[in-house]
């Protein structure tokens, strides 16, 4: 029976993909010397937020995900990043494969908010493996399952994620709003003859600051 060992050895941004993407480099070794004909591999990739330290600024930005830092012992739970399926070709000994990972820049998604809330450092990832292994022994086809116990850890440099996003959305962010809110924003933008959405949001923030200062003066 084949025995597989998995190791994540690196990651790189895919700057020429149609959407933000990166590749996780995976080394698969068969430790008994048996020939592997193919593997239908399934990889569940999780973020392990409890496995790194955070600055005060990062903790403030991650408050909407995990709450106050006093609660982090209970709230820093693993987060799903993605699930990837791939066909691994035949090999003897070991093989290197790339896992393509599509990234979202939708800040409504928890994993995206987590990445965006970090300043630097690494993102602790846990990759859980499953799937079907096809081999041959004594001229007979053998089929076995990848044990659920197979996993690998990897500390992804935040700069790799940032490069993958910046290849498509440099110095920008996406915020999802419902259509009624968008209609109000469009009317406000048109009434003020504002040239961009940045200018529109800045004008709204300035108006909110002025209103807050006036209310503070009135209360005093």
N, C-alpha and C. Protein backbone atom coordinates (compact mmCIF):
# COMPACT_ATOMS: atom_id res chain seq x y z
N UNK A 1 0.85 -1.19 0.00
CA UNK A 1 0.00 0.00 0.00
C UNK A 1 0.88 1.24 0.00
N UNK A 2 0.54 2.20 -0.84
CA UNK A 2 1.32 3.43 -0.94
C UNK A 2 1.19 4.26 0.32
N UNK A 3 2.26 4.94 0.67
CA UNK A 3 2.24 5.86 1.81
C UNK A 3 2.76 7.21 1.33
N UNK A 4 1.93 8.24 1.43
CA UNK A 4 2.26 9.55 0.90
C UNK A 4 2.63 10.52 2.01
N UNK A 5 3.57 11.41 1.72
CA UNK A 5 3.94 12.50 2.60
C UNK A 5 3.83 13.81 1.81
N UNK A 6 3.22 14.83 2.44
CA UNK A 6 2.97 16.10 1.77
C UNK A 6 3.74 17.21 2.47
N UNK A 7 4.26 18.14 1.66
CA UNK A 7 4.98 19.28 2.21
C UNK A 7 4.76 20.50 1.32
N UNK A 8 4.35 21.61 1.91
CA UNK A 8 4.22 22.87 1.17
C UNK A 8 5.57 23.58 1.19
N UNK A 9 6.10 23.87 0.03
CA UNK A 9 7.47 24.36 -0.06
C UNK A 9 7.59 25.82 -0.49
N UNK A 10 6.50 26.45 -0.87
CA UNK A 10 6.59 27.85 -1.29
C UNK A 10 5.29 28.33 -1.91
N UNK A 11 5.27 29.59 -2.28
CA UNK A 11 4.09 30.20 -2.92
C UNK A 11 4.56 31.36 -3.78
N UNK A 12 3.82 31.64 -4.83
CA UNK A 12 4.15 32.76 -5.71
C UNK A 12 2.87 33.35 -6.29
N UNK A 13 2.84 34.66 -6.50
CA UNK A 13 1.67 35.27 -7.14
C UNK A 13 1.65 34.95 -8.63
N UNK A 14 0.46 34.78 -9.17
CA UNK A 14 0.30 34.59 -10.61
C UNK A 14 -0.14 35.92 -11.20
N UNK A 15 0.83 36.72 -11.62
CA UNK A 15 0.54 38.09 -12.05
C UNK A 15 -0.14 38.16 -13.41
N UNK A 16 -0.16 37.06 -14.17
CA UNK A 16 -0.73 37.09 -15.51
C UNK A 16 -2.08 36.37 -15.59
N UNK A 17 -2.64 36.00 -14.44
CA UNK A 17 -3.95 35.36 -14.42
C UNK A 17 -5.03 36.41 -14.71
N UNK A 18 -6.22 35.93 -15.11
CA UNK A 18 -7.31 36.84 -15.43
C UNK A 18 -7.88 37.49 -14.18
N UNK A 19 -7.70 36.86 -13.03
CA UNK A 19 -8.20 37.38 -11.75
C UNK A 19 -7.10 37.15 -10.71
N UNK A 20 -7.17 37.84 -9.57
CA UNK A 20 -6.12 37.64 -8.55
C UNK A 20 -5.93 36.17 -8.20
N UNK A 21 -4.71 35.69 -8.31
CA UNK A 21 -4.42 34.27 -8.10
C UNK A 21 -3.00 34.11 -7.59
N UNK A 22 -2.77 32.99 -6.91
CA UNK A 22 -1.41 32.61 -6.54
C UNK A 22 -1.32 31.09 -6.61
N UNK A 23 -0.11 30.59 -6.58
CA UNK A 23 0.13 29.15 -6.63
C UNK A 23 0.87 28.72 -5.38
N UNK A 24 0.41 27.64 -4.78
CA UNK A 24 1.08 27.04 -3.63
C UNK A 24 1.87 25.84 -4.12
N UNK A 25 3.17 25.82 -3.85
CA UNK A 25 4.03 24.72 -4.30
C UNK A 25 3.94 23.56 -3.33
N UNK A 26 3.68 22.37 -3.86
CA UNK A 26 3.45 21.19 -3.03
C UNK A 26 4.40 20.07 -3.46
N UNK A 27 5.07 19.48 -2.51
CA UNK A 27 5.93 18.32 -2.78
C UNK A 27 5.24 17.08 -2.21
N UNK A 28 5.04 16.08 -3.07
CA UNK A 28 4.41 14.82 -2.66
C UNK A 28 5.44 13.71 -2.79
N UNK A 29 5.65 12.96 -1.72
CA UNK A 29 6.61 11.85 -1.74
C UNK A 29 5.89 10.55 -1.42
N UNK A 30 6.26 9.49 -2.14
CA UNK A 30 5.76 8.14 -1.83
C UNK A 30 6.90 7.40 -1.14
N UNK A 31 6.68 6.99 0.12
CA UNK A 31 7.79 6.56 0.97
C UNK A 31 8.08 5.06 0.94
N UNK A 32 7.28 4.25 0.24
CA UNK A 32 7.51 2.80 0.23
C UNK A 32 8.18 2.32 -1.06
N UNK A 33 8.36 3.20 -2.04
CA UNK A 33 8.95 2.82 -3.31
C UNK A 33 7.94 2.38 -4.35
N UNK A 34 6.66 2.42 -4.03
CA UNK A 34 5.62 2.00 -4.98
C UNK A 34 5.41 3.07 -6.04
N UNK A 35 5.14 2.63 -7.26
CA UNK A 35 4.84 3.52 -8.37
C UNK A 35 3.43 4.08 -8.20
N UNK A 36 3.29 5.42 -8.36
CA UNK A 36 1.99 6.07 -8.35
C UNK A 36 1.61 6.42 -9.79
N UNK A 37 0.44 5.96 -10.23
CA UNK A 37 -0.01 6.25 -11.59
C UNK A 37 -0.71 7.61 -11.68
N UNK A 38 -1.46 7.97 -10.65
CA UNK A 38 -2.16 9.27 -10.63
C UNK A 38 -2.79 9.45 -9.24
N UNK A 39 -3.04 10.71 -8.90
CA UNK A 39 -3.77 11.03 -7.67
C UNK A 39 -4.84 12.06 -8.01
N UNK A 40 -6.08 11.74 -7.70
CA UNK A 40 -7.15 12.74 -7.76
C UNK A 40 -7.17 13.40 -6.39
N UNK A 41 -6.51 14.55 -6.29
CA UNK A 41 -6.22 15.16 -4.99
C UNK A 41 -7.17 16.30 -4.70
N UNK A 42 -7.62 16.34 -3.45
CA UNK A 42 -8.47 17.43 -2.98
C UNK A 42 -7.79 18.07 -1.77
N UNK A 43 -7.66 19.38 -1.79
CA UNK A 43 -6.92 20.10 -0.74
C UNK A 43 -7.82 21.18 -0.14
N UNK A 44 -8.07 21.08 1.14
CA UNK A 44 -8.80 22.11 1.87
C UNK A 44 -7.78 22.99 2.58
N UNK A 45 -7.80 24.29 2.28
CA UNK A 45 -6.80 25.21 2.80
C UNK A 45 -7.47 26.13 3.83
N UNK A 46 -6.92 26.13 5.04
CA UNK A 46 -7.46 26.93 6.13
C UNK A 46 -6.43 27.93 6.63
N UNK A 47 -6.93 29.06 7.13
CA UNK A 47 -6.10 30.03 7.85
C UNK A 47 -6.18 29.70 9.34
N UNK A 48 -5.01 29.70 9.99
CA UNK A 48 -4.93 29.42 11.43
C UNK A 48 -4.54 30.71 12.16
N UNK A 49 -5.50 31.61 12.43
CA UNK A 49 -5.16 32.93 12.95
C UNK A 49 -4.53 32.91 14.34
N UNK A 50 -4.73 31.85 15.11
CA UNK A 50 -4.15 31.80 16.46
C UNK A 50 -2.65 31.52 16.45
N UNK A 51 -2.09 31.23 15.28
CA UNK A 51 -0.69 30.82 15.20
C UNK A 51 0.27 31.95 14.85
N UNK A 52 -0.14 33.21 15.05
CA UNK A 52 0.76 34.33 14.84
C UNK A 52 0.42 35.45 15.82
N UNK A 53 1.33 36.43 15.93
CA UNK A 53 1.12 37.59 16.78
C UNK A 53 0.58 38.75 15.95
N UNK A 54 -0.05 39.72 16.64
CA UNK A 54 -0.67 40.85 15.96
C UNK A 54 -0.27 42.15 16.65
N UNK A 55 -0.06 43.19 15.84
CA UNK A 55 0.19 44.51 16.40
C UNK A 55 -1.12 45.13 16.86
N UNK A 56 -1.03 46.22 17.60
CA UNK A 56 -2.25 46.90 18.07
C UNK A 56 -3.09 47.39 16.90
N UNK A 57 -2.41 47.90 15.85
CA UNK A 57 -3.15 48.38 14.67
C UNK A 57 -3.86 47.23 13.97
N UNK A 58 -3.21 46.09 13.85
CA UNK A 58 -3.84 44.93 13.22
C UNK A 58 -5.03 44.44 14.05
N UNK A 59 -4.86 44.41 15.37
CA UNK A 59 -5.94 43.97 16.25
C UNK A 59 -7.17 44.87 16.11
N UNK A 60 -6.93 46.17 15.95
CA UNK A 60 -8.05 47.10 15.77
C UNK A 60 -8.80 46.82 14.47
N UNK A 61 -8.05 46.57 13.39
CA UNK A 61 -8.70 46.31 12.10
C UNK A 61 -9.41 44.96 12.07
N UNK A 62 -8.95 44.01 12.89
CA UNK A 62 -9.56 42.67 12.91
C UNK A 62 -10.67 42.55 13.94
N UNK A 63 -11.02 43.66 14.58
CA UNK A 63 -12.04 43.62 15.62
C UNK A 63 -13.37 43.10 15.12
N UNK A 64 -13.74 43.45 13.87
CA UNK A 64 -15.04 43.00 13.36
C UNK A 64 -15.05 41.50 13.07
N UNK A 65 -13.88 40.88 12.94
CA UNK A 65 -13.80 39.44 12.72
C UNK A 65 -13.77 38.66 14.03
N UNK A 66 -12.95 39.15 14.98
CA UNK A 66 -12.67 38.36 16.18
C UNK A 66 -13.11 39.02 17.48
N UNK A 67 -13.61 40.26 17.40
CA UNK A 67 -14.01 40.95 18.61
C UNK A 67 -12.81 41.54 19.35
N UNK A 68 -13.04 41.97 20.58
CA UNK A 68 -11.97 42.55 21.38
C UNK A 68 -10.90 41.50 21.70
N UNK A 69 -9.66 41.98 21.87
CA UNK A 69 -8.55 41.06 22.09
C UNK A 69 -8.72 40.22 23.35
N UNK A 70 -9.52 40.73 24.32
CA UNK A 70 -9.75 39.94 25.53
C UNK A 70 -10.47 38.63 25.24
N UNK A 71 -11.17 38.57 24.10
CA UNK A 71 -11.95 37.39 23.74
C UNK A 71 -11.21 36.49 22.75
N UNK A 72 -10.00 36.87 22.35
CA UNK A 72 -9.34 36.16 21.26
C UNK A 72 -9.00 34.72 21.61
N UNK A 73 -8.86 34.40 22.87
CA UNK A 73 -8.60 33.01 23.23
C UNK A 73 -9.73 32.10 22.77
N UNK A 74 -10.94 32.67 22.65
CA UNK A 74 -12.11 31.89 22.22
C UNK A 74 -12.49 32.13 20.77
N UNK A 75 -12.12 33.29 20.21
CA UNK A 75 -12.64 33.66 18.89
C UNK A 75 -11.66 33.45 17.74
N UNK A 76 -10.38 33.24 18.02
CA UNK A 76 -9.41 33.03 16.93
C UNK A 76 -9.51 31.59 16.42
N UNK A 77 -10.57 31.32 15.70
CA UNK A 77 -10.83 29.99 15.17
C UNK A 77 -10.32 29.88 13.72
N UNK A 78 -10.02 28.67 13.26
CA UNK A 78 -9.60 28.49 11.86
C UNK A 78 -10.64 29.03 10.88
N UNK A 79 -10.16 29.59 9.77
CA UNK A 79 -11.02 30.16 8.74
C UNK A 79 -10.75 29.45 7.42
N UNK A 80 -11.83 29.18 6.70
CA UNK A 80 -11.68 28.54 5.39
C UNK A 80 -11.17 29.55 4.37
N UNK A 81 -10.09 29.21 3.68
CA UNK A 81 -9.61 30.05 2.58
C UNK A 81 -10.17 29.55 1.26
N UNK A 82 -9.95 28.28 0.93
CA UNK A 82 -10.46 27.74 -0.33
C UNK A 82 -10.31 26.22 -0.33
N UNK A 83 -10.91 25.58 -1.30
CA UNK A 83 -10.72 24.15 -1.56
C UNK A 83 -10.29 23.99 -3.01
N UNK A 84 -9.22 23.23 -3.22
CA UNK A 84 -8.64 23.07 -4.55
C UNK A 84 -8.61 21.59 -4.90
N UNK A 85 -9.04 21.26 -6.11
CA UNK A 85 -8.93 19.89 -6.62
C UNK A 85 -7.97 19.89 -7.81
N UNK A 86 -7.11 18.87 -7.88
CA UNK A 86 -6.15 18.78 -8.97
C UNK A 86 -5.81 17.33 -9.24
N UNK A 87 -5.41 17.04 -10.47
CA UNK A 87 -4.94 15.71 -10.84
C UNK A 87 -3.41 15.71 -10.83
N UNK A 88 -2.85 14.82 -10.03
CA UNK A 88 -1.39 14.69 -9.94
C UNK A 88 -0.97 13.57 -10.90
N UNK A 89 -0.03 13.82 -11.82
CA UNK A 89 0.39 12.77 -12.77
C UNK A 89 1.22 11.69 -12.07
N UNK A 90 1.47 10.62 -12.79
CA UNK A 90 2.22 9.50 -12.24
C UNK A 90 3.65 9.86 -11.87
N UNK A 91 4.17 9.17 -10.85
CA UNK A 91 5.55 9.41 -10.43
C UNK A 91 6.04 8.25 -9.57
N UNK A 92 7.34 8.18 -9.43
CA UNK A 92 7.99 7.27 -8.49
C UNK A 92 8.92 8.10 -7.62
N UNK A 93 8.86 7.92 -6.34
CA UNK A 93 9.68 8.71 -5.43
C UNK A 93 8.95 9.95 -4.96
N UNK A 94 9.09 11.04 -5.72
CA UNK A 94 8.42 12.28 -5.33
C UNK A 94 8.11 13.12 -6.57
N UNK A 95 7.25 14.10 -6.37
CA UNK A 95 6.86 14.99 -7.46
C UNK A 95 6.51 16.35 -6.88
N UNK A 96 6.76 17.40 -7.65
CA UNK A 96 6.38 18.76 -7.26
C UNK A 96 5.21 19.21 -8.13
N UNK A 97 4.16 19.74 -7.48
CA UNK A 97 2.99 20.22 -8.20
C UNK A 97 2.63 21.60 -7.66
N UNK A 98 1.91 22.36 -8.46
CA UNK A 98 1.42 23.68 -8.06
C UNK A 98 -0.09 23.61 -7.83
N UNK A 99 -0.53 24.18 -6.72
CA UNK A 99 -1.95 24.29 -6.44
C UNK A 99 -2.40 25.71 -6.78
N UNK A 100 -3.20 25.90 -7.83
CA UNK A 100 -3.68 27.25 -8.17
C UNK A 100 -4.77 27.69 -7.20
N UNK A 101 -4.60 28.87 -6.63
CA UNK A 101 -5.56 29.40 -5.65
C UNK A 101 -6.10 30.72 -6.16
N UNK A 102 -7.40 30.76 -6.42
CA UNK A 102 -8.05 32.00 -6.83
C UNK A 102 -8.38 32.81 -5.60
N UNK A 103 -8.10 34.11 -5.66
CA UNK A 103 -8.30 35.00 -4.53
C UNK A 103 -9.42 35.99 -4.81
N UNK A 104 -10.14 36.34 -3.78
CA UNK A 104 -11.17 37.37 -3.90
C UNK A 104 -10.70 38.63 -3.20
N UNK A 105 -11.12 39.80 -3.73
CA UNK A 105 -10.85 41.04 -3.01
C UNK A 105 -12.15 41.65 -2.51
N UNK A 106 -13.15 40.80 -2.32
CA UNK A 106 -14.43 41.22 -1.76
C UNK A 106 -14.27 41.29 -0.24
N UNK A 107 -14.35 42.49 0.32
CA UNK A 107 -14.13 42.68 1.75
C UNK A 107 -15.29 42.20 2.60
N UNK A 108 -16.35 41.67 1.97
CA UNK A 108 -17.41 41.02 2.74
C UNK A 108 -17.00 39.60 3.15
N UNK A 109 -15.97 39.06 2.52
CA UNK A 109 -15.51 37.69 2.80
C UNK A 109 -14.50 37.74 3.94
N UNK A 110 -14.71 36.85 4.93
CA UNK A 110 -13.88 36.89 6.13
C UNK A 110 -12.40 36.73 5.86
N UNK A 111 -12.03 35.78 4.99
CA UNK A 111 -10.60 35.55 4.72
C UNK A 111 -9.96 36.78 4.07
N UNK A 112 -10.70 37.48 3.20
CA UNK A 112 -10.16 38.69 2.57
C UNK A 112 -9.98 39.79 3.60
N UNK A 113 -10.96 39.96 4.50
CA UNK A 113 -10.83 40.96 5.55
C UNK A 113 -9.64 40.64 6.45
N UNK A 114 -9.38 39.36 6.67
CA UNK A 114 -8.25 38.97 7.50
C UNK A 114 -6.94 39.38 6.82
N UNK A 115 -6.75 39.00 5.56
CA UNK A 115 -5.54 39.38 4.84
C UNK A 115 -5.38 40.90 4.82
N UNK A 116 -6.47 41.62 4.50
CA UNK A 116 -6.41 43.07 4.37
C UNK A 116 -6.12 43.75 5.70
N UNK A 117 -6.44 43.09 6.80
CA UNK A 117 -6.22 43.69 8.12
C UNK A 117 -4.80 43.58 8.62
N UNK A 118 -3.94 42.84 7.94
CA UNK A 118 -2.57 42.63 8.38
C UNK A 118 -1.63 43.64 7.73
N UNK A 119 -0.59 44.02 8.47
CA UNK A 119 0.41 44.95 7.95
C UNK A 119 1.57 44.22 7.27
N UNK A 120 2.02 43.14 7.86
CA UNK A 120 3.20 42.43 7.35
C UNK A 120 3.26 41.07 8.02
N UNK A 121 4.36 40.35 7.75
CA UNK A 121 4.54 39.04 8.39
C UNK A 121 4.01 37.91 7.54
N UNK A 122 3.56 36.86 8.21
CA UNK A 122 3.13 35.64 7.54
C UNK A 122 1.72 35.24 7.97
N UNK A 123 1.05 34.53 7.08
CA UNK A 123 -0.28 34.00 7.35
C UNK A 123 -0.16 32.50 7.55
N UNK A 124 -0.45 31.97 8.74
CA UNK A 124 -0.33 30.52 8.98
C UNK A 124 -1.45 29.76 8.26
N UNK A 125 -1.06 28.85 7.38
CA UNK A 125 -2.01 28.05 6.63
C UNK A 125 -1.89 26.58 7.05
N UNK A 126 -3.03 25.89 7.01
CA UNK A 126 -3.06 24.45 7.21
C UNK A 126 -3.76 23.85 6.00
N UNK A 127 -3.08 22.90 5.34
CA UNK A 127 -3.64 22.25 4.15
C UNK A 127 -4.02 20.82 4.54
N UNK A 128 -5.30 20.49 4.37
CA UNK A 128 -5.82 19.15 4.68
C UNK A 128 -6.06 18.41 3.37
N UNK A 129 -5.57 17.18 3.28
CA UNK A 129 -5.61 16.43 2.03
C UNK A 129 -6.60 15.28 2.08
N UNK A 130 -7.21 15.03 0.94
CA UNK A 130 -8.04 13.85 0.73
C UNK A 130 -8.00 13.53 -0.76
N UNK A 131 -8.66 12.44 -1.17
CA UNK A 131 -8.67 12.09 -2.59
C UNK A 131 -8.42 10.62 -2.81
N UNK A 132 -8.12 10.27 -4.06
CA UNK A 132 -7.95 8.87 -4.47
C UNK A 132 -6.60 8.68 -5.14
N UNK A 133 -5.90 7.62 -4.72
CA UNK A 133 -4.58 7.29 -5.27
C UNK A 133 -4.71 6.08 -6.18
N UNK A 134 -4.22 6.19 -7.40
CA UNK A 134 -4.25 5.09 -8.36
C UNK A 134 -2.81 4.59 -8.57
N UNK A 135 -2.60 3.29 -8.41
CA UNK A 135 -1.28 2.71 -8.60
C UNK A 135 -1.39 1.33 -9.22
N UNK A 136 -0.29 0.63 -9.23
CA UNK A 136 -0.31 -0.74 -9.77
C UNK A 136 0.72 -1.56 -9.00
N UNK A 137 0.37 -2.82 -8.77
CA UNK A 137 1.26 -3.76 -8.07
C UNK A 137 1.03 -5.15 -8.65
N UNK A 138 2.12 -5.81 -9.07
CA UNK A 138 2.03 -7.14 -9.67
C UNK A 138 1.10 -7.15 -10.88
N UNK A 139 1.13 -6.08 -11.65
CA UNK A 139 0.32 -5.99 -12.85
C UNK A 139 -1.15 -5.74 -12.60
N UNK A 140 -1.53 -5.44 -11.36
CA UNK A 140 -2.93 -5.18 -11.03
C UNK A 140 -3.10 -3.73 -10.58
N UNK A 141 -4.24 -3.17 -10.98
CA UNK A 141 -4.57 -1.80 -10.58
C UNK A 141 -4.91 -1.76 -9.10
N UNK A 142 -4.36 -0.81 -8.41
CA UNK A 142 -4.71 -0.61 -7.00
C UNK A 142 -5.29 0.78 -6.82
N UNK A 143 -6.31 0.85 -5.98
CA UNK A 143 -6.98 2.12 -5.69
C UNK A 143 -7.10 2.25 -4.18
N UNK A 144 -6.69 3.40 -3.66
CA UNK A 144 -6.82 3.64 -2.23
C UNK A 144 -7.11 5.11 -1.99
N UNK A 145 -7.60 5.40 -0.82
CA UNK A 145 -7.93 6.77 -0.46
C UNK A 145 -6.76 7.45 0.25
N UNK A 146 -6.62 8.75 0.01
CA UNK A 146 -5.66 9.53 0.79
C UNK A 146 -6.23 9.66 2.21
N UNK A 147 -5.51 9.23 3.22
CA UNK A 147 -6.05 9.30 4.59
C UNK A 147 -6.37 10.74 5.00
N UNK A 148 -7.45 10.89 5.76
CA UNK A 148 -7.85 12.21 6.23
C UNK A 148 -6.82 12.81 7.18
N UNK A 149 -5.94 11.99 7.72
CA UNK A 149 -4.93 12.49 8.65
C UNK A 149 -3.79 13.23 7.96
N UNK A 150 -3.71 13.16 6.63
CA UNK A 150 -2.62 13.81 5.90
C UNK A 150 -2.85 15.32 5.86
N UNK A 151 -1.83 16.08 6.29
CA UNK A 151 -1.93 17.53 6.28
C UNK A 151 -0.53 18.13 6.20
N UNK A 152 -0.48 19.42 5.92
CA UNK A 152 0.79 20.15 5.85
C UNK A 152 0.56 21.58 6.28
N UNK A 153 1.54 22.15 6.94
CA UNK A 153 1.47 23.55 7.37
C UNK A 153 2.36 24.40 6.48
N UNK A 154 1.97 25.66 6.32
CA UNK A 154 2.79 26.59 5.55
C UNK A 154 2.53 28.00 6.04
N UNK A 155 3.59 28.77 6.19
CA UNK A 155 3.46 30.17 6.60
C UNK A 155 3.62 31.04 5.35
N UNK A 156 2.48 31.50 4.86
CA UNK A 156 2.44 32.27 3.62
C UNK A 156 2.88 33.71 3.87
N UNK A 157 3.91 34.20 3.18
CA UNK A 157 4.26 35.62 3.32
C UNK A 157 3.10 36.50 2.87
N UNK A 158 2.73 37.47 3.71
CA UNK A 158 1.64 38.36 3.34
C UNK A 158 1.96 39.09 2.04
N UNK A 159 3.24 39.35 1.78
CA UNK A 159 3.64 40.05 0.56
C UNK A 159 3.23 39.28 -0.70
N UNK A 160 3.16 37.94 -0.62
CA UNK A 160 2.75 37.14 -1.78
C UNK A 160 1.29 37.42 -2.11
N UNK A 161 0.44 37.43 -1.08
CA UNK A 161 -0.99 37.76 -1.30
C UNK A 161 -1.11 39.18 -1.83
N UNK A 162 -0.36 40.11 -1.24
CA UNK A 162 -0.45 41.51 -1.65
C UNK A 162 -0.06 41.68 -3.11
N UNK A 163 1.00 41.00 -3.55
CA UNK A 163 1.44 41.09 -4.94
C UNK A 163 0.38 40.54 -5.88
N UNK A 164 -0.27 39.45 -5.49
CA UNK A 164 -1.31 38.86 -6.34
C UNK A 164 -2.49 39.80 -6.49
N UNK A 165 -2.87 40.49 -5.40
CA UNK A 165 -3.98 41.44 -5.46
C UNK A 165 -3.57 42.69 -6.25
N UNK A 166 -2.37 43.22 -5.95
CA UNK A 166 -1.94 44.46 -6.60
C UNK A 166 -1.73 44.31 -8.10
N UNK A 167 -1.53 43.07 -8.57
CA UNK A 167 -1.40 42.86 -10.01
C UNK A 167 -2.70 43.23 -10.74
N UNK A 168 -3.81 43.22 -10.02
CA UNK A 168 -5.11 43.55 -10.63
C UNK A 168 -5.74 44.80 -10.03
N UNK A 169 -5.55 45.02 -8.72
CA UNK A 169 -6.19 46.15 -8.04
C UNK A 169 -5.16 46.93 -7.22
N UNK A 170 -4.19 47.57 -7.85
CA UNK A 170 -3.17 48.29 -7.09
C UNK A 170 -3.75 49.49 -6.35
N UNK A 171 -3.44 49.57 -5.04
CA UNK A 171 -3.84 50.72 -4.21
C UNK A 171 -5.34 50.96 -4.23
N UNK A 172 -6.13 49.90 -4.36
CA UNK A 172 -7.58 50.05 -4.35
C UNK A 172 -8.20 48.96 -3.48
N UNK A 173 -9.49 49.14 -3.16
CA UNK A 173 -10.24 48.14 -2.41
C UNK A 173 -11.66 48.12 -2.94
N UNK A 174 -12.36 47.00 -2.74
CA UNK A 174 -13.72 46.83 -3.21
C UNK A 174 -14.65 46.73 -2.01
N UNK A 175 -15.73 47.49 -2.05
CA UNK A 175 -16.75 47.43 -1.00
C UNK A 175 -18.09 47.15 -1.66
N UNK A 176 -18.79 46.13 -1.18
CA UNK A 176 -20.09 45.78 -1.76
C UNK A 176 -21.20 46.57 -1.06
N UNK A 177 -22.08 47.19 -1.85
CA UNK A 177 -23.24 47.91 -1.30
C UNK A 177 -24.48 47.45 -2.06
N UNK A 178 -25.64 47.59 -1.42
CA UNK A 178 -26.86 47.22 -2.13
C UNK A 178 -27.24 48.32 -3.12
N UNK A 179 -28.16 48.01 -4.02
CA UNK A 179 -28.47 48.92 -5.12
C UNK A 179 -29.09 50.22 -4.65
N UNK A 180 -29.91 50.18 -3.58
CA UNK A 180 -30.52 51.42 -3.09
C UNK A 180 -29.46 52.36 -2.53
N UNK A 181 -28.45 51.80 -1.84
CA UNK A 181 -27.36 52.63 -1.34
C UNK A 181 -26.56 53.22 -2.50
N UNK A 182 -26.31 52.40 -3.53
CA UNK A 182 -25.58 52.90 -4.69
C UNK A 182 -26.33 54.03 -5.37
N UNK A 183 -27.67 53.90 -5.49
CA UNK A 183 -28.46 54.99 -6.10
C UNK A 183 -28.30 56.29 -5.32
N UNK A 184 -28.33 56.21 -3.98
CA UNK A 184 -28.15 57.41 -3.16
C UNK A 184 -26.76 58.00 -3.36
N UNK A 185 -25.75 57.13 -3.43
CA UNK A 185 -24.40 57.62 -3.65
C UNK A 185 -24.26 58.31 -5.01
N UNK A 186 -24.89 57.74 -6.04
CA UNK A 186 -24.84 58.34 -7.37
C UNK A 186 -25.50 59.72 -7.37
N UNK A 187 -26.66 59.84 -6.69
CA UNK A 187 -27.34 61.14 -6.64
C UNK A 187 -26.48 62.17 -5.91
N UNK A 188 -25.86 61.75 -4.79
CA UNK A 188 -24.99 62.66 -4.05
C UNK A 188 -23.80 63.08 -4.92
N UNK A 189 -23.19 62.11 -5.60
CA UNK A 189 -22.04 62.40 -6.47
C UNK A 189 -22.42 63.37 -7.58
N UNK A 190 -23.58 63.16 -8.19
CA UNK A 190 -24.00 64.02 -9.30
C UNK A 190 -24.36 65.43 -8.81
N UNK A 191 -25.03 65.53 -7.64
CA UNK A 191 -25.40 66.84 -7.11
C UNK A 191 -24.16 67.68 -6.82
N UNK A 192 -23.12 67.05 -6.31
CA UNK A 192 -21.89 67.77 -5.98
C UNK A 192 -20.92 67.86 -7.17
N UNK A 193 -21.25 67.22 -8.28
CA UNK A 193 -20.37 67.19 -9.46
C UNK A 193 -18.98 66.67 -9.09
N UNK A 194 -18.97 65.60 -8.32
CA UNK A 194 -17.70 65.02 -7.86
C UNK A 194 -17.15 64.10 -8.94
N UNK A 195 -15.86 64.15 -9.20
CA UNK A 195 -15.30 63.42 -10.36
C UNK A 195 -15.12 61.92 -10.13
N UNK A 196 -14.87 61.49 -8.89
CA UNK A 196 -14.55 60.08 -8.63
C UNK A 196 -15.30 59.59 -7.39
N UNK A 197 -15.29 58.25 -7.21
CA UNK A 197 -15.90 57.69 -6.00
C UNK A 197 -15.06 58.01 -4.78
N UNK A 198 -13.74 58.10 -4.94
CA UNK A 198 -12.90 58.52 -3.82
C UNK A 198 -13.32 59.90 -3.32
N UNK A 199 -13.52 60.82 -4.26
CA UNK A 199 -13.93 62.17 -3.89
C UNK A 199 -15.31 62.17 -3.24
N UNK A 200 -16.19 61.29 -3.71
CA UNK A 200 -17.53 61.20 -3.14
C UNK A 200 -17.48 60.73 -1.69
N UNK A 201 -16.74 59.67 -1.43
CA UNK A 201 -16.65 59.15 -0.07
C UNK A 201 -15.93 60.13 0.85
N UNK A 202 -14.92 60.83 0.33
CA UNK A 202 -14.22 61.83 1.14
C UNK A 202 -15.16 62.97 1.52
N UNK A 203 -16.02 63.40 0.58
CA UNK A 203 -16.98 64.45 0.88
C UNK A 203 -17.97 64.01 1.95
N UNK A 204 -18.42 62.77 1.88
CA UNK A 204 -19.34 62.25 2.89
C UNK A 204 -18.67 62.17 4.26
N UNK A 205 -17.40 61.75 4.29
CA UNK A 205 -16.67 61.68 5.56
C UNK A 205 -16.46 63.07 6.15
N UNK A 206 -16.14 64.05 5.29
CA UNK A 206 -15.96 65.42 5.77
C UNK A 206 -17.27 65.96 6.35
N UNK A 207 -18.39 65.67 5.67
CA UNK A 207 -19.68 66.13 6.16
C UNK A 207 -20.03 65.47 7.50
N UNK A 208 -19.69 64.19 7.63
CA UNK A 208 -19.97 63.50 8.89
C UNK A 208 -19.11 64.07 10.01
N UNK A 209 -17.84 64.41 9.72
CA UNK A 209 -16.96 65.00 10.74
C UNK A 209 -17.49 66.35 11.18
N UNK A 210 -17.93 67.16 10.22
CA UNK A 210 -18.47 68.49 10.55
C UNK A 210 -19.70 68.36 11.42
N UNK A 211 -20.59 67.39 11.07
CA UNK A 211 -21.81 67.18 11.85
C UNK A 211 -21.48 66.73 13.26
N UNK A 212 -20.47 65.86 13.40
CA UNK A 212 -20.09 65.36 14.72
C UNK A 212 -19.52 66.49 15.57
N UNK A 213 -18.67 67.34 14.96
CA UNK A 213 -18.10 68.45 15.71
C UNK A 213 -19.17 69.43 16.16
N UNK A 214 -20.16 69.71 15.30
CA UNK A 214 -21.25 70.61 15.68
C UNK A 214 -22.06 70.04 16.84
N UNK A 215 -22.33 68.75 16.80
CA UNK A 215 -23.09 68.13 17.89
C UNK A 215 -22.32 68.15 19.20
N UNK A 216 -20.98 68.00 19.11
CA UNK A 216 -20.14 68.08 20.32
C UNK A 216 -20.16 69.48 20.91
N UNK A 217 -20.09 70.49 20.04
CA UNK A 217 -20.13 71.88 20.53
C UNK A 217 -21.47 72.18 21.15
N UNK A 218 -22.55 71.70 20.57
CA UNK A 218 -23.89 71.94 21.09
C UNK A 218 -24.08 71.29 22.45
N UNK A 219 -23.56 70.09 22.60
CA UNK A 219 -23.71 69.36 23.88
C UNK A 219 -22.93 70.00 25.00
N UNK A 220 -21.86 70.75 24.63
CA UNK A 220 -21.07 71.43 25.66
C UNK A 220 -21.73 72.75 26.06
